[in-house]
All heavy atoms as atom14 arrays in JSON, in Angstrom:
{
  "sequence": "SGGGLVQPGGSLRLSCVASGSIFSIKHMGWYRQAPGKERELVAVIT",
  "atom14_mask": [
    [1, 1, 1, 1, 1, 1, 0, 0, 0, 0, 0, 0, 0, 0],
    [1, 1, 1, 1, 0, 0, 0, 0, 0, 0, 0, 0, 0, 0],
    [1, 1, 1, 1, 0, 0, 0, 0, 0, 0, 0, 0, 0, 0],
    [1, 1, 1, 1, 0, 0, 0, 0, 0, 0, 0, 0, 0, 0],
    [1, 1, 1, 1, 1, 1, 1, 1, 0, 0, 0, 0, 0, 0],
    [1, 1, 1, 1, 1, 1, 1, 0, 0, 0, 0, 0, 0, 0],
    [1, 1, 1, 1, 1, 1, 1, 1, 1, 0, 0, 0, 0, 0],
    [1, 1, 1, 1, 1, 1, 1, 0, 0, 0, 0, 0, 0, 0],
    [1, 1, 1, 1, 0, 0, 0, 0, 0, 0, 0, 0, 0, 0],
    [1, 1, 1, 1, 0, 0, 0, 0, 0, 0, 0, 0, 0, 0],
    [1, 1, 1, 1, 1, 1, 0, 0, 0, 0, 0, 0, 0, 0],
    [1, 1, 1, 1, 1, 1, 1, 1, 0, 0, 0, 0, 0, 0],
    [1, 1, 1, 1, 1, 1, 1, 1, 1, 1, 1, 0, 0, 0],
    [1, 1, 1, 1, 1, 1, 1, 1, 0, 0, 0, 0, 0, 0],
    [1, 1, 1, 1, 1, 1, 0, 0, 0, 0, 0, 0, 0, 0],
    [1, 1, 1, 1, 1, 1, 0, 0, 0, 0, 0, 0, 0, 0],
    [1, 1, 1, 1, 1, 1, 1, 0, 0, 0, 0, 0, 0, 0],
    [1, 1, 1, 1, 1, 0, 0, 0, 0, 0, 0, 0, 0, 0],
    [1, 1, 1, 1, 1, 1, 0, 0, 0, 0, 0, 0, 0, 0],
    [1, 1, 1, 1, 0, 0, 0, 0, 0, 0, 0, 0, 0, 0],
    [1, 1, 1, 1, 1, 1, 0, 0, 0, 0, 0, 0, 0, 0],
    [1, 1, 1, 1, 1, 1, 1, 1, 0, 0, 0, 0, 0, 0],
    [1, 1, 1, 1, 1, 1, 1, 1, 1, 1, 1, 0, 0, 0],
    [1, 1, 1, 1, 1, 1, 0, 0, 0, 0, 0, 0, 0, 0],
    [1, 1, 1, 1, 1, 1, 1, 1, 0, 0, 0, 0, 0, 0],
    [1, 1, 1, 1, 1, 1, 1, 1, 1, 0, 0, 0, 0, 0],
    [1, 1, 1, 1, 1, 1, 1, 1, 1, 1, 0, 0, 0, 0],
    [1, 1, 1, 1, 1, 1, 1, 1, 0, 0, 0, 0, 0, 0],
    [1, 1, 1, 1, 0, 0, 0, 0, 0, 0, 0, 0, 0, 0],
    [1, 1, 1, 1, 1, 1, 1, 1, 1, 1, 1, 1, 1, 1],
    [1, 1, 1, 1, 1, 1, 1, 1, 1, 1, 1, 1, 0, 0],
    [1, 1, 1, 1, 1, 1, 1, 1, 1, 1, 1, 0, 0, 0],
    [1, 1, 1, 1, 1, 1, 1, 1, 1, 0, 0, 0, 0, 0],
    [1, 1, 1, 1, 1, 0, 0, 0, 0, 0, 0, 0, 0, 0],
    [1, 1, 1, 1, 1, 1, 1, 0, 0, 0, 0, 0, 0, 0],
    [1, 1, 1, 1, 0, 0, 0, 0, 0, 0, 0, 0, 0, 0],
    [1, 1, 1, 1, 1, 1, 1, 1, 1, 0, 0, 0, 0, 0],
    [1, 1, 1, 1, 1, 1, 1, 1, 1, 0, 0, 0, 0, 0],
    [1, 1, 1, 1, 1, 1, 1, 1, 1, 1, 1, 0, 0, 0],
    [1, 1, 1, 1, 1, 1, 1, 1, 1, 0, 0, 0, 0, 0],
    [1, 1, 1, 1, 1, 1, 1, 1, 0, 0, 0, 0, 0, 0],
    [1, 1, 1, 1, 1, 1, 1, 0, 0, 0, 0, 0, 0, 0],
    [1, 1, 1, 1, 1, 0, 0, 0, 0, 0, 0, 0, 0, 0],
    [1, 1, 1, 1, 1, 1, 1, 0, 0, 0, 0, 0, 0, 0],
    [1, 1, 1, 1, 1, 1, 1, 1, 0, 0, 0, 0, 0, 0],
    [1, 1, 1, 1, 1, 1, 1, 0, 0, 0, 0, 0, 0, 0]
  ],
  "atom14_positions": [
    [[102.31, 112.64, 119.11], [103.63, 113.21, 118.83], [103.5, 114.69, 119.23], [102.49, 115.26, 119.48], [103.95, 113.06, 117.31], [103.04, 113.77, 116.53], [0.0, 0.0, 0.0], [0.0, 0.0, 0.0], [0.0, 0.0, 0.0], [0.0, 0.0, 0.0], [0.0, 0.0, 0.0], [0.0, 0.0, 0.0], [0.0, 0.0, 0.0], [0.0, 0.0, 0.0]],
    [[104.72, 115.29, 119.27], [104.76, 116.72, 119.51], [105.32, 117.16, 120.94], [105.51, 118.33, 121.15], [0.0, 0.0, 0.0], [0.0, 0.0, 0.0], [0.0, 0.0, 0.0], [0.0, 0.0, 0.0], [0.0, 0.0, 0.0], [0.0, 0.0, 0.0], [0.0, 0.0, 0.0], [0.0, 0.0, 0.0], [0.0, 0.0, 0.0], [0.0, 0.0, 0.0]],
    [[105.52, 116.15, 121.75], [106.0, 116.5, 123.08], [107.45, 116.9, 123.01], [108.14, 116.85, 122.04], [0.0, 0.0, 0.0], [0.0, 0.0, 0.0], [0.0, 0.0, 0.0], [0.0, 0.0, 0.0], [0.0, 0.0, 0.0], [0.0, 0.0, 0.0], [0.0, 0.0, 0.0], [0.0, 0.0, 0.0], [0.0, 0.0, 0.0], [0.0, 0.0, 0.0]],
    [[107.93, 117.5, 124.14], [109.32, 117.98, 124.24], [109.57, 118.87, 125.42], [108.74, 118.91, 126.31], [0.0, 0.0, 0.0], [0.0, 0.0, 0.0], [0.0, 0.0, 0.0], [0.0, 0.0, 0.0], [0.0, 0.0, 0.0], [0.0, 0.0, 0.0], [0.0, 0.0, 0.0], [0.0, 0.0, 0.0], [0.0, 0.0, 0.0], [0.0, 0.0, 0.0]],
    [[110.75, 119.49, 125.48], [111.14, 120.38, 126.54], [110.85, 121.83, 126.11], [111.32, 122.28, 125.01], [112.55, 120.21, 126.87], [113.21, 121.15, 127.93], [112.5, 120.96, 129.27], [114.65, 120.91, 127.97], [0.0, 0.0, 0.0], [0.0, 0.0, 0.0], [0.0, 0.0, 0.0], [0.0, 0.0, 0.0], [0.0, 0.0, 0.0], [0.0, 0.0, 0.0]],
    [[110.13, 122.62, 126.93], [109.78, 123.97, 126.67], [110.01, 124.83, 127.91], [109.93, 124.3, 129.02], [108.39, 124.2, 126.12], [108.18, 123.47, 124.81], [107.3, 123.66, 127.2], [0.0, 0.0, 0.0], [0.0, 0.0, 0.0], [0.0, 0.0, 0.0], [0.0, 0.0, 0.0], [0.0, 0.0, 0.0], [0.0, 0.0, 0.0], [0.0, 0.0, 0.0]],
    [[110.23, 126.09, 127.7], [110.39, 127.07, 128.79], [109.0, 127.42, 129.35], [107.98, 127.38, 128.69], [111.16, 128.23, 128.3], [112.47, 128.01, 127.84], [113.44, 127.55, 128.85], [113.51, 128.14, 129.95], [114.19, 126.41, 128.63], [0.0, 0.0, 0.0], [0.0, 0.0, 0.0], [0.0, 0.0, 0.0], [0.0, 0.0, 0.0], [0.0, 0.0, 0.0]],
    [[108.97, 127.8, 130.63], [107.67, 128.28, 131.18], [107.21, 129.52, 130.35], [107.98, 130.37, 129.98], [108.06, 128.69, 132.63], [109.2, 127.89, 132.93], [109.99, 127.66, 131.71], [0.0, 0.0, 0.0], [0.0, 0.0, 0.0], [0.0, 0.0, 0.0], [0.0, 0.0, 0.0], [0.0, 0.0, 0.0], [0.0, 0.0, 0.0], [0.0, 0.0, 0.0]],
    [[105.93, 129.47, 130.11], [105.3, 130.54, 129.21], [105.34, 130.24, 127.78], [104.71, 130.89, 126.98], [0.0, 0.0, 0.0], [0.0, 0.0, 0.0], [0.0, 0.0, 0.0], [0.0, 0.0, 0.0], [0.0, 0.0, 0.0], [0.0, 0.0, 0.0], [0.0, 0.0, 0.0], [0.0, 0.0, 0.0], [0.0, 0.0, 0.0], [0.0, 0.0, 0.0]],
    [[106.0, 129.13, 127.4], [106.13, 128.69, 126.0], [104.9, 127.97, 125.48], [103.94, 127.81, 126.29], [0.0, 0.0, 0.0], [0.0, 0.0, 0.0], [0.0, 0.0, 0.0], [0.0, 0.0, 0.0], [0.0, 0.0, 0.0], [0.0, 0.0, 0.0], [0.0, 0.0, 0.0], [0.0, 0.0, 0.0], [0.0, 0.0, 0.0], [0.0, 0.0, 0.0]],
    [[104.95, 127.47, 124.29], [103.87, 126.77, 123.69], [104.32, 125.48, 123.02], [105.47, 125.33, 122.69], [103.25, 127.66, 122.56], [102.64, 128.86, 123.1], [0.0, 0.0, 0.0], [0.0, 0.0, 0.0], [0.0, 0.0, 0.0], [0.0, 0.0, 0.0], [0.0, 0.0, 0.0], [0.0, 0.0, 0.0], [0.0, 0.0, 0.0], [0.0, 0.0, 0.0]],
    [[103.4, 124.6, 122.9], [103.7, 123.25, 122.32], [102.33, 122.75, 121.75], [101.3, 122.98, 122.27], [104.19, 122.31, 123.38], [105.03, 121.11, 122.96], [106.3, 121.65, 122.33], [105.38, 120.27, 124.21], [0.0, 0.0, 0.0], [0.0, 0.0, 0.0], [0.0, 0.0, 0.0], [0.0, 0.0, 0.0], [0.0, 0.0, 0.0], [0.0, 0.0, 0.0]],
    [[102.46, 122.07, 120.67], [101.3, 121.47, 119.98], [101.43, 119.94, 119.8], [102.35, 119.47, 119.23], [101.09, 122.07, 118.58], [99.78, 121.76, 117.94], [99.75, 122.09, 116.48], [98.49, 122.01, 115.79], [98.25, 121.82, 114.52], [99.31, 121.75, 113.63], [97.03, 121.75, 114.06], [0.0, 0.0, 0.0], [0.0, 0.0, 0.0], [0.0, 0.0, 0.0]],
    [[100.51, 119.23, 120.44], [100.47, 117.81, 120.38], [99.51, 117.33, 119.33], [98.53, 118.0, 119.13], [100.05, 117.18, 121.75], [100.78, 117.65, 122.99], [100.32, 116.9, 124.25], [102.27, 117.49, 122.83], [0.0, 0.0, 0.0], [0.0, 0.0, 0.0], [0.0, 0.0, 0.0], [0.0, 0.0, 0.0], [0.0, 0.0, 0.0], [0.0, 0.0, 0.0]],
    [[99.84, 116.23, 118.66], [98.97, 115.71, 117.65], [98.82, 114.23, 117.99], [99.58, 113.55, 118.57], [99.69, 115.74, 116.25], [99.91, 117.11, 115.91], [0.0, 0.0, 0.0], [0.0, 0.0, 0.0], [0.0, 0.0, 0.0], [0.0, 0.0, 0.0], [0.0, 0.0, 0.0], [0.0, 0.0, 0.0], [0.0, 0.0, 0.0], [0.0, 0.0, 0.0]],
    [[97.5, 113.7, 117.6], [97.16, 112.31, 117.77], [96.52, 111.78, 116.52], [95.49, 112.42, 116.13], [96.27, 112.16, 118.97], [95.66, 110.47, 119.25], [0.0, 0.0, 0.0], [0.0, 0.0, 0.0], [0.0, 0.0, 0.0], [0.0, 0.0, 0.0], [0.0, 0.0, 0.0], [0.0, 0.0, 0.0], [0.0, 0.0, 0.0], [0.0, 0.0, 0.0]],
    [[97.09, 110.77, 115.92], [96.47, 110.22, 114.74], [95.83, 108.84, 115.08], [96.42, 107.97, 115.78], [97.54, 109.97, 113.61], [96.97, 109.24, 112.46], [98.17, 111.21, 113.24], [0.0, 0.0, 0.0], [0.0, 0.0, 0.0], [0.0, 0.0, 0.0], [0.0, 0.0, 0.0], [0.0, 0.0, 0.0], [0.0, 0.0, 0.0], [0.0, 0.0, 0.0]],
    [[94.56, 108.66, 114.74], [93.86, 107.47, 115.01], [93.69, 106.63, 113.74], [93.48, 107.19, 112.68], [92.45, 107.79, 115.61], [0.0, 0.0, 0.0], [0.0, 0.0, 0.0], [0.0, 0.0, 0.0], [0.0, 0.0, 0.0], [0.0, 0.0, 0.0], [0.0, 0.0, 0.0], [0.0, 0.0, 0.0], [0.0, 0.0, 0.0], [0.0, 0.0, 0.0]],
    [[93.72, 105.29, 113.95], [93.52, 104.42, 112.79], [92.73, 103.2, 113.3], [92.73, 102.91, 114.52], [94.81, 103.93, 112.17], [95.68, 103.33, 113.07], [0.0, 0.0, 0.0], [0.0, 0.0, 0.0], [0.0, 0.0, 0.0], [0.0, 0.0, 0.0], [0.0, 0.0, 0.0], [0.0, 0.0, 0.0], [0.0, 0.0, 0.0], [0.0, 0.0, 0.0]],
    [[92.05, 102.53, 112.44], [91.29, 101.37, 112.78], [89.78, 101.66, 112.58], [89.38, 102.3, 111.63], [0.0, 0.0, 0.0], [0.0, 0.0, 0.0], [0.0, 0.0, 0.0], [0.0, 0.0, 0.0], [0.0, 0.0, 0.0], [0.0, 0.0, 0.0], [0.0, 0.0, 0.0], [0.0, 0.0, 0.0], [0.0, 0.0, 0.0], [0.0, 0.0, 0.0]],
    [[89.02, 101.21, 113.62], [87.56, 101.28, 113.61], [87.18, 102.67, 114.11], [86.51, 102.87, 115.15], [86.88, 100.2, 114.47], [87.26, 98.98, 113.88], [0.0, 0.0, 0.0], [0.0, 0.0, 0.0], [0.0, 0.0, 0.0], [0.0, 0.0, 0.0], [0.0, 0.0, 0.0], [0.0, 0.0, 0.0], [0.0, 0.0, 0.0], [0.0, 0.0, 0.0]],
    [[87.48, 103.74, 113.36], [87.26, 105.11, 113.77], [85.79, 105.43, 113.8], [85.35, 106.21, 114.72], [87.92, 106.04, 112.84], [89.39, 105.73, 112.64], [87.8, 107.52, 113.28], [90.14, 105.72, 113.93], [0.0, 0.0, 0.0], [0.0, 0.0, 0.0], [0.0, 0.0, 0.0], [0.0, 0.0, 0.0], [0.0, 0.0, 0.0], [0.0, 0.0, 0.0]],
    [[84.94, 104.74, 113.06], [83.53, 104.95, 113.1], [82.87, 104.66, 114.43], [81.78, 105.16, 114.67], [82.85, 104.21, 112.01], [83.11, 102.68, 112.01], [82.26, 101.87, 112.87], [84.1, 102.13, 111.32], [82.49, 100.54, 113.01], [84.3, 100.77, 111.44], [83.52, 99.96, 112.25], [0.0, 0.0, 0.0], [0.0, 0.0, 0.0], [0.0, 0.0, 0.0]],
    [[83.53, 103.85, 115.24], [82.93, 103.49, 116.54], [83.2, 104.5, 117.65], [82.76, 104.31, 118.74], [83.5, 102.09, 116.95], [84.8, 102.14, 117.24], [0.0, 0.0, 0.0], [0.0, 0.0, 0.0], [0.0, 0.0, 0.0], [0.0, 0.0, 0.0], [0.0, 0.0, 0.0], [0.0, 0.0, 0.0], [0.0, 0.0, 0.0], [0.0, 0.0, 0.0]],
    [[84.11, 105.49, 117.38], [84.54, 106.37, 118.46], [83.49, 107.45, 118.77], [82.85, 107.99, 117.91], [85.87, 107.1, 118.0], [87.03, 106.03, 117.88], [86.25, 108.19, 119.08], [88.31, 106.66, 117.35], [0.0, 0.0, 0.0], [0.0, 0.0, 0.0], [0.0, 0.0, 0.0], [0.0, 0.0, 0.0], [0.0, 0.0, 0.0], [0.0, 0.0, 0.0]],
    [[83.14, 107.51, 120.05], [82.24, 108.53, 120.5], [82.92, 109.86, 120.76], [82.28, 110.9, 120.51], [81.56, 108.05, 121.83], [80.8, 106.75, 121.67], [79.64, 106.95, 120.75], [78.7, 105.73, 120.82], [79.38, 104.44, 120.32], [0.0, 0.0, 0.0], [0.0, 0.0, 0.0], [0.0, 0.0, 0.0], [0.0, 0.0, 0.0], [0.0, 0.0, 0.0]],
    [[84.09, 109.87, 121.3], [84.83, 111.13, 121.56], [86.38, 110.83, 121.55], [86.72, 109.66, 121.83], [84.34, 111.83, 122.82], [84.6, 111.04, 124.04], [83.61, 110.29, 124.64], [85.71, 110.97, 124.84], [84.03, 109.68, 125.71], [85.28, 110.08, 125.9], [0.0, 0.0, 0.0], [0.0, 0.0, 0.0], [0.0, 0.0, 0.0], [0.0, 0.0, 0.0]],
    [[87.07, 111.87, 121.43], [88.56, 111.75, 121.56], [88.98, 112.77, 122.58], [88.36, 113.87, 122.75], [89.22, 111.87, 120.32], [88.97, 110.76, 119.3], [90.01, 110.78, 117.8], [91.65, 110.46, 118.49], [0.0, 0.0, 0.0], [0.0, 0.0, 0.0], [0.0, 0.0, 0.0], [0.0, 0.0, 0.0], [0.0, 0.0, 0.0], [0.0, 0.0, 0.0]],
    [[90.09, 112.46, 123.19], [90.61, 113.49, 124.16], [92.06, 113.33, 124.59], [92.72, 112.46, 124.06], [0.0, 0.0, 0.0], [0.0, 0.0, 0.0], [0.0, 0.0, 0.0], [0.0, 0.0, 0.0], [0.0, 0.0, 0.0], [0.0, 0.0, 0.0], [0.0, 0.0, 0.0], [0.0, 0.0, 0.0], [0.0, 0.0, 0.0], [0.0, 0.0, 0.0]],
    [[92.45, 114.2, 125.45], [93.78, 114.19, 125.92], [93.76, 113.97, 127.51], [93.03, 114.67, 128.15], [94.53, 115.41, 125.61], [94.92, 115.58, 124.16], [94.2, 116.17, 123.16], [96.07, 114.98, 123.5], [94.76, 116.08, 122.01], [95.96, 115.34, 122.15], [97.13, 114.29, 123.94], [96.94, 114.93, 121.18], [98.17, 113.9, 123.0], [98.05, 114.2, 121.66]],
    [[94.64, 113.11, 127.95], [94.85, 112.93, 129.39], [96.31, 113.19, 129.7], [97.11, 113.11, 128.8], [94.49, 111.56, 129.9], [93.0, 111.26, 129.91], [92.22, 111.17, 128.77], [92.29, 111.09, 131.09], [90.88, 110.92, 128.81], [90.93, 110.88, 131.15], [90.23, 110.8, 129.97], [88.92, 110.51, 130.04], [0.0, 0.0, 0.0], [0.0, 0.0, 0.0]],
    [[96.66, 113.42, 130.94], [98.05, 113.43, 131.33], [98.25, 112.81, 132.71], [97.39, 112.74, 133.49], [98.49, 114.92, 131.31], [97.88, 115.78, 132.49], [98.29, 117.24, 132.27], [97.76, 118.03, 133.33], [97.82, 119.4, 133.37], [98.47, 120.0, 132.4], [97.31, 120.04, 134.28], [0.0, 0.0, 0.0], [0.0, 0.0, 0.0], [0.0, 0.0, 0.0]],
    [[99.53, 112.36, 132.9], [99.89, 111.74, 134.12], [101.32, 112.18, 134.5], [102.24, 111.88, 133.77], [99.81, 110.19, 134.04], [99.99, 109.49, 135.31], [99.61, 108.05, 135.27], [99.5, 107.46, 134.27], [99.41, 107.41, 136.4], [0.0, 0.0, 0.0], [0.0, 0.0, 0.0], [0.0, 0.0, 0.0], [0.0, 0.0, 0.0], [0.0, 0.0, 0.0]],
    [[101.39, 112.74, 135.68], [102.72, 113.17, 136.22], [103.15, 112.08, 137.22], [102.34, 111.33, 137.7], [102.6, 114.51, 136.92], [0.0, 0.0, 0.0], [0.0, 0.0, 0.0], [0.0, 0.0, 0.0], [0.0, 0.0, 0.0], [0.0, 0.0, 0.0], [0.0, 0.0, 0.0], [0.0, 0.0, 0.0], [0.0, 0.0, 0.0], [0.0, 0.0, 0.0]],
    [[104.45, 111.95, 137.4], [105.03, 110.95, 138.28], [104.35, 110.97, 139.67], [104.26, 112.08, 140.3], [106.53, 111.32, 138.42], [106.8, 111.97, 137.15], [105.58, 112.78, 136.85], [0.0, 0.0, 0.0], [0.0, 0.0, 0.0], [0.0, 0.0, 0.0], [0.0, 0.0, 0.0], [0.0, 0.0, 0.0], [0.0, 0.0, 0.0], [0.0, 0.0, 0.0]],
    [[103.84, 109.83, 140.14], [103.21, 109.82, 141.53], [101.84, 110.3, 141.56], [101.26, 110.41, 142.59], [0.0, 0.0, 0.0], [0.0, 0.0, 0.0], [0.0, 0.0, 0.0], [0.0, 0.0, 0.0], [0.0, 0.0, 0.0], [0.0, 0.0, 0.0], [0.0, 0.0, 0.0], [0.0, 0.0, 0.0], [0.0, 0.0, 0.0], [0.0, 0.0, 0.0]],
    [[101.27, 110.76, 140.43], [99.93, 111.26, 140.35], [99.02, 110.41, 139.47], [99.51, 109.66, 138.66], [99.91, 112.66, 139.91], [100.71, 113.65, 140.75], [100.58, 115.09, 140.29], [99.23, 115.62, 140.64], [99.16, 117.06, 140.18], [0.0, 0.0, 0.0], [0.0, 0.0, 0.0], [0.0, 0.0, 0.0], [0.0, 0.0, 0.0], [0.0, 0.0, 0.0]],
    [[97.72, 110.57, 139.64], [96.74, 109.77, 138.87], [96.64, 110.44, 137.52], [96.9, 111.65, 137.28], [95.38, 109.75, 139.55], [95.41, 109.06, 140.89], [93.98, 108.95, 141.47], [93.05, 109.53, 140.87], [93.88, 108.36, 142.58], [0.0, 0.0, 0.0], [0.0, 0.0, 0.0], [0.0, 0.0, 0.0], [0.0, 0.0, 0.0], [0.0, 0.0, 0.0]],
    [[96.25, 109.65, 136.46], [95.94, 110.15, 135.21], [94.67, 111.05, 135.32], [93.72, 110.76, 135.91], [95.63, 108.94, 134.3], [95.55, 109.37, 132.8], [95.08, 108.14, 132.01], [95.94, 106.95, 132.26], [95.65, 105.75, 131.95], [94.56, 105.43, 131.39], [96.51, 104.77, 132.27], [0.0, 0.0, 0.0], [0.0, 0.0, 0.0], [0.0, 0.0, 0.0]],
    [[94.83, 112.21, 134.65], [93.72, 113.21, 134.69], [93.31, 113.62, 133.28], [94.15, 113.72, 132.43], [94.15, 114.4, 135.59], [95.26, 115.19, 134.98], [95.57, 116.48, 135.82], [94.67, 116.89, 136.63], [96.64, 117.1, 135.58], [0.0, 0.0, 0.0], [0.0, 0.0, 0.0], [0.0, 0.0, 0.0], [0.0, 0.0, 0.0], [0.0, 0.0, 0.0]],
    [[92.0, 113.95, 133.22], [91.52, 114.49, 131.96], [91.99, 115.89, 131.75], [91.93, 116.77, 132.55], [89.94, 114.39, 131.97], [89.21, 115.06, 130.82], [89.52, 114.22, 129.55], [87.73, 115.17, 131.11], [0.0, 0.0, 0.0], [0.0, 0.0, 0.0], [0.0, 0.0, 0.0], [0.0, 0.0, 0.0], [0.0, 0.0, 0.0], [0.0, 0.0, 0.0]],
    [[92.45, 116.13, 130.49], [92.78, 117.51, 130.12], [91.74, 118.2, 129.24], [91.38, 119.3, 129.48], [94.19, 117.46, 129.37], [94.56, 118.87, 128.9], [95.27, 116.91, 130.28], [0.0, 0.0, 0.0], [0.0, 0.0, 0.0], [0.0, 0.0, 0.0], [0.0, 0.0, 0.0], [0.0, 0.0, 0.0], [0.0, 0.0, 0.0], [0.0, 0.0, 0.0]],
    [[91.33, 117.43, 128.12], [90.45, 118.01, 127.2], [89.84, 116.91, 126.42], [90.42, 115.87, 126.13], [91.03, 119.05, 126.27], [0.0, 0.0, 0.0], [0.0, 0.0, 0.0], [0.0, 0.0, 0.0], [0.0, 0.0, 0.0], [0.0, 0.0, 0.0], [0.0, 0.0, 0.0], [0.0, 0.0, 0.0], [0.0, 0.0, 0.0], [0.0, 0.0, 0.0]],
    [[88.55, 117.13, 125.99], [87.86, 116.17, 125.11], [87.14, 116.85, 124.02], [86.78, 118.05, 124.11], [86.81, 115.22, 125.91], [87.53, 114.39, 126.84], [85.78, 116.09, 126.56], [0.0, 0.0, 0.0], [0.0, 0.0, 0.0], [0.0, 0.0, 0.0], [0.0, 0.0, 0.0], [0.0, 0.0, 0.0], [0.0, 0.0, 0.0], [0.0, 0.0, 0.0]],
    [[86.92, 116.22, 122.92], [86.14, 116.77, 121.77], [85.34, 115.69, 121.13], [85.77, 114.48, 121.03], [87.1, 117.43, 120.69], [86.37, 118.19, 119.69], [88.06, 116.42, 120.1], [87.22, 119.11, 118.79], [0.0, 0.0, 0.0], [0.0, 0.0, 0.0], [0.0, 0.0, 0.0], [0.0, 0.0, 0.0], [0.0, 0.0, 0.0], [0.0, 0.0, 0.0]],
    [[84.15, 116.03, 120.66], [83.23, 115.09, 119.99], [83.24, 115.42, 118.46], [83.7, 116.52, 118.09], [81.85, 115.11, 120.5], [81.28, 116.39, 120.24], [81.83, 114.95, 122.07], [0.0, 0.0, 0.0], [0.0, 0.0, 0.0], [0.0, 0.0, 0.0], [0.0, 0.0, 0.0], [0.0, 0.0, 0.0], [0.0, 0.0, 0.0], [0.0, 0.0, 0.0]]
  ]
}
């Protein structure tokens, strides 16, 4: 959640809530994909 329309130079905060077998997760992260482009890694955290 947290996406939207912002002006250049602005800020936005995205959130991700995980549920289920959380104990099995090695890391979590954010990826992004623009139209016509491949999905790319943005950031990861352990």
